[in-house]
């Protein structure tokens, strides 16, 4: 019996939505790789009161996109917690987890605390907490220099305006790692010029799992916009390592 081709599920980071993958989906399609961009609950177009959204719901949304089948999950930035949760809650291990300049937690860690530990991150000064709505908002001034400092497109202002408030509650939940997560192969793509999640911190998270990064991109935090074709090439190479690229 032929092996079923696994779905490739793309999970966005904080203050974002499925729109973050608008350039990656066609870039992967050009390589014959069909992918699905998930919008996490309370994010993007579904932005709502952040206290109503949980980390468990993030994982459920990712697993719903796989339709119950083992898949290749790609998580960018804070999306690393979402794919970790999905792997923990999945009925069977996924094919692979690919962390793209993403947070990779140890058991019991909270995203909020893990992010605060990155002493070299320039993101902290961009965040304003709104406890009444249960969200974190981004300060627009200087955001371009943190997230998009290497972006050369002429639609930067439009990109900045698309970022939406991020639910607080998922970032306060502890990662409860399961054997299914530990049994899932993990890959990491580092970004060398990242100002939001420093390279040193990316290296430290990889070292805790003994992961040798698949590649170190010469980019800032948003290669999904600055170099979708180059990133597509690297994602294809990792998927081929799993034997399940297309």
Protein backbone atom coordinates (compact mmCIF):
# COMPACT_ATOMS: atom_id res chain seq x y z
CA UNK A 1 0.00 0.00 0.00
CA UNK A 2 1.36 3.42 -0.96
CA UNK A 3 2.31 5.64 1.92
CA UNK A 4 -0.11 8.52 2.36
CA UNK A 5 1.34 11.94 1.69
CA UNK A 6 1.27 13.91 4.96
CA UNK A 7 -0.27 17.34 5.11
CA UNK A 8 2.10 20.26 5.60
CA UNK A 9 0.60 22.62 8.16
CA UNK A 10 2.00 26.12 8.62
CA UNK A 11 1.45 27.83 11.97
CA UNK A 12 1.98 31.56 12.41
CA UNK A 13 3.60 33.38 15.30
CA UNK A 14 2.31 36.02 17.71
CA UNK A 15 0.39 39.14 16.64
CA UNK A 16 -0.25 37.44 13.35
CA UNK A 17 -2.63 35.18 11.44
CA UNK A 18 -2.78 32.80 8.50
CA UNK A 19 -1.92 35.80 6.30
CA UNK A 20 1.69 35.50 7.51
CA UNK A 21 2.13 32.58 5.11
CA UNK A 22 0.70 34.36 2.04
CA UNK A 23 4.06 34.24 0.26
CA UNK A 24 5.16 30.86 1.56
CA UNK A 25 2.16 28.85 0.37
CA UNK A 26 2.78 29.70 -3.33
CA UNK A 27 6.55 29.40 -2.85
CA UNK A 28 6.08 25.84 -1.60
CA UNK A 29 3.51 25.11 -4.33
CA UNK A 30 6.14 25.96 -6.93
CA UNK A 31 8.14 23.08 -5.47
CA UNK A 32 5.18 20.73 -5.67
CA UNK A 33 4.44 21.00 -1.96
CA UNK A 34 0.83 21.69 -1.00
CA UNK A 35 0.50 23.37 2.38
CA UNK A 36 -2.21 24.62 4.73
CA UNK A 37 -1.90 27.88 6.70
CA UNK A 38 -3.76 27.66 10.01
CA UNK A 39 -5.22 30.66 11.82
CA UNK A 40 -5.04 30.10 15.56
CA UNK A 41 -8.09 30.91 17.73
CA UNK A 42 -8.24 34.53 18.85
CA UNK A 43 -5.65 35.60 16.29
CA UNK A 44 -5.72 37.41 12.97
CA UNK A 45 -9.24 37.84 11.65
CA UNK A 46 -10.65 36.04 14.71
CA UNK A 47 -9.09 38.44 17.21
CA UNK A 48 -11.17 38.45 20.41
CA UNK A 49 -10.96 38.68 24.19
CA UNK A 50 -7.67 36.93 24.93
CA UNK A 51 -8.82 35.37 28.20
CA UNK A 52 -11.20 33.14 26.21
CA UNK A 53 -8.43 31.42 24.27
CA UNK A 54 -6.23 28.59 25.57
CA UNK A 55 -3.04 26.88 24.50
CA UNK A 56 -5.02 23.64 24.25
CA UNK A 57 -7.27 25.29 21.68
CA UNK A 58 -4.18 26.26 19.69
CA UNK A 59 -3.11 22.63 19.56
CA UNK A 60 -6.61 21.49 18.67
CA UNK A 61 -6.79 23.97 15.77
CA UNK A 62 -3.50 22.67 14.37
CA UNK A 63 -4.54 19.03 14.72
CA UNK A 64 -7.93 19.77 13.13
CA UNK A 65 -6.10 20.93 10.01
CA UNK A 66 -4.39 17.53 9.76
CA UNK A 67 -7.77 15.73 9.80
CA UNK A 68 -6.39 13.24 12.29
CA UNK A 69 -3.45 12.11 10.16
CA UNK A 70 0.25 12.40 11.04
CA UNK A 71 1.53 15.60 9.42
CA UNK A 72 4.55 17.84 9.05
CA UNK A 73 4.01 20.89 11.25
CA UNK A 74 5.94 24.12 10.71
CA UNK A 75 5.81 26.67 13.53
CA UNK A 76 7.20 30.19 13.24
CA UNK A 77 8.22 32.12 16.35
CA UNK A 78 5.50 31.71 19.04
CA UNK A 79 3.94 29.14 16.71
CA UNK A 80 6.56 26.79 18.11
CA UNK A 81 4.42 26.45 21.24
CA UNK A 82 1.33 25.72 19.14
CA UNK A 83 2.96 22.89 17.19
CA UNK A 84 4.45 21.54 20.42
CA UNK A 85 0.98 21.46 21.96
CA UNK A 86 -0.42 19.82 18.82
CA UNK A 87 2.25 17.12 18.97
CA UNK A 88 1.51 16.50 22.65
CA UNK A 89 -2.22 16.15 22.02
CA UNK A 90 -2.14 14.21 18.76
CA UNK A 91 -3.47 10.61 18.86
CA UNK A 92 -0.29 9.38 17.14
CA UNK A 93 3.09 11.07 16.63
CA UNK A 94 3.28 13.54 13.77
CA UNK A 95 5.78 13.01 10.96
CA UNK A 96 7.94 15.98 11.95
CA UNK A 97 8.02 19.30 13.78
CA UNK A 98 9.90 22.12 12.06
CA UNK A 99 10.70 25.12 14.23
CA UNK A 100 11.39 28.32 12.27
CA UNK A 101 13.11 30.85 14.56
CA UNK A 102 10.59 29.48 17.04
CA UNK A 103 10.21 28.90 20.75
CA UNK A 104 10.93 25.29 21.66
CA UNK A 105 9.87 24.69 25.26
CA UNK A 106 11.04 22.29 27.90
CA UNK A 107 8.46 20.56 30.05
CA UNK A 108 6.63 22.96 32.34
CA UNK A 109 7.79 26.15 30.63
CA UNK A 110 5.51 29.06 29.79
CA UNK A 111 5.95 30.97 26.56
CA UNK A 112 5.81 34.30 28.41
CA UNK A 113 8.64 33.34 30.73
CA UNK A 114 10.70 31.68 28.01
CA UNK A 115 10.47 34.79 25.85
CA UNK A 116 11.50 37.06 28.73
CA UNK A 117 14.66 35.00 29.15
CA UNK A 118 16.07 36.19 25.83
CA UNK A 119 18.24 39.05 27.05
CA UNK A 120 19.19 40.07 23.50
CA UNK A 121 15.67 40.26 22.11
CA UNK A 122 14.54 43.73 21.02
CA UNK A 123 10.89 42.69 21.08
CA UNK A 124 10.21 43.46 24.72
CA UNK A 125 10.10 47.22 24.19
CA UNK A 126 7.45 46.74 21.48
CA UNK A 127 4.90 45.02 23.73
CA UNK A 128 2.09 46.63 25.70
CA UNK A 129 -0.09 44.38 27.87
CA UNK A 130 -3.84 45.03 28.01
CA UNK A 131 -5.06 42.95 30.99
CA UNK A 132 -8.66 44.03 30.55
CA UNK A 133 -8.87 42.53 27.09
CA UNK A 134 -6.42 39.77 27.92
CA UNK A 135 -4.12 40.64 25.03
CA UNK A 136 -0.68 41.97 24.21
CA UNK A 137 -0.50 44.79 21.69
CA UNK A 138 2.45 45.84 19.57
CA UNK A 139 3.82 49.36 19.61
CA UNK A 140 4.13 50.45 15.99
CA UNK A 141 7.07 52.78 16.47
CA UNK A 142 10.29 50.88 15.83
CA UNK A 143 8.54 47.62 14.96
CA UNK A 144 9.89 47.75 11.42
CA UNK A 145 13.45 47.72 12.78
CA UNK A 146 12.77 44.69 14.97
CA UNK A 147 10.78 42.44 12.64
CA UNK A 148 11.38 43.75 9.11
CA UNK A 149 14.80 45.40 9.18
CA UNK A 150 15.95 43.28 6.21
CA UNK A 151 12.72 43.61 4.21
CA UNK A 152 12.97 45.40 0.85
CA UNK A 153 9.34 45.30 -0.32
CA UNK A 154 7.34 48.45 -0.91
CA UNK A 155 4.36 47.30 1.19
CA UNK A 156 6.01 47.46 4.61
CA UNK A 157 3.45 49.85 6.07
CA UNK A 158 0.63 47.51 5.03
CA UNK A 159 2.41 44.57 6.68
CA UNK A 160 2.87 46.46 9.92
CA UNK A 161 -0.82 47.34 10.01
CA UNK A 162 -1.87 43.70 9.65
CA UNK A 163 -0.48 42.70 13.04
CA UNK A 164 -3.28 42.17 15.57
CA UNK A 165 -3.43 41.81 19.37
CA UNK A 166 -2.13 38.50 20.75
CA UNK A 167 -4.11 36.52 23.38
CA UNK A 168 -2.35 36.48 26.74
CA UNK A 169 -3.71 33.24 28.15
CA UNK A 170 -1.90 30.76 25.84
CA UNK A 171 1.43 32.36 26.73
CA UNK A 172 0.76 31.83 30.43
CA UNK A 173 0.04 28.09 30.09
CA UNK A 174 2.73 25.56 30.91
CA UNK A 175 3.89 23.17 28.21
CA UNK A 176 3.01 19.66 29.36
CA UNK A 177 5.13 17.45 27.16
CA UNK A 178 4.01 13.91 26.36
CA UNK A 179 5.72 10.84 24.89
CA UNK A 180 4.09 11.64 21.53
CA UNK A 181 5.97 14.94 21.44
CA UNK A 182 9.26 13.31 22.40
CA UNK A 183 8.74 10.62 19.74
CA UNK A 184 8.28 13.18 16.96
CA UNK A 185 11.40 14.12 14.94
CA UNK A 186 12.32 17.78 15.40
CA UNK A 187 14.11 20.17 13.05
CA UNK A 188 15.12 23.77 13.52
CA UNK A 189 15.78 26.62 11.08
CA UNK A 190 17.71 29.44 12.73
CA UNK A 191 17.79 33.07 11.59
CA UNK A 192 21.21 34.65 12.06
CA UNK A 193 20.14 38.32 12.05
CA UNK A 194 17.01 37.89 14.13
CA UNK A 195 16.31 40.85 16.43
CA UNK A 196 13.09 39.45 17.92
CA UNK A 197 14.41 36.02 18.93
CA UNK A 198 18.17 36.21 19.16
CA UNK A 199 20.39 33.66 17.46
CA UNK A 200 22.06 32.83 20.77
CA UNK A 201 18.70 31.99 22.29
CA UNK A 202 17.74 29.88 19.29
CA UNK A 203 21.00 27.99 19.69
CA UNK A 204 20.36 27.47 23.40
CA UNK A 205 16.89 26.04 22.82
CA UNK A 206 18.27 23.65 20.19
CA UNK A 207 21.05 22.54 22.52
CA UNK A 208 18.54 21.43 25.16
CA UNK A 209 17.23 18.84 22.71
CA UNK A 210 20.52 18.03 21.05
CA UNK A 211 19.22 19.45 17.76
CA UNK A 212 21.71 20.46 15.11
CA UNK A 213 19.98 23.21 13.10
CA UNK A 214 19.12 22.17 9.58
CA UNK A 215 20.27 25.55 8.33
CA UNK A 216 21.11 29.04 9.58
CA UNK A 217 19.44 31.56 7.31
CA UNK A 218 21.09 34.94 6.75
CA UNK A 219 17.89 36.75 7.65
CA UNK A 220 15.94 38.57 10.30
CA UNK A 221 12.90 37.18 12.06
CA UNK A 222 10.61 37.20 9.01
CA UNK A 223 12.12 35.10 6.19
CA UNK A 224 8.51 34.19 5.36
CA UNK A 225 8.43 37.66 3.77
CA UNK A 226 12.04 38.54 3.10
CA UNK A 227 13.06 35.29 1.36
CA UNK A 228 10.10 32.95 0.75
CA UNK A 229 11.86 31.15 -2.11
CA UNK A 230 15.04 30.53 -0.14
CA UNK A 231 13.04 29.40 2.87
CA UNK A 232 10.92 27.19 0.62
CA UNK A 233 14.08 25.48 -0.60
CA UNK A 234 15.17 24.77 2.96
CA UNK A 235 11.76 23.50 4.03
CA UNK A 236 11.69 21.19 1.02
CA UNK A 237 15.12 19.83 1.96
CA UNK A 238 13.98 19.09 5.52
CA UNK A 239 10.79 17.45 4.29
CA UNK A 240 12.87 15.26 1.99
CA UNK A 241 14.88 14.16 5.04
CA UNK A 242 11.66 12.84 6.53
CA UNK A 243 11.04 10.99 3.27
CA UNK A 244 7.66 12.69 2.97
CA UNK A 245 8.25 15.92 0.99
CA UNK A 246 5.37 15.58 -1.50
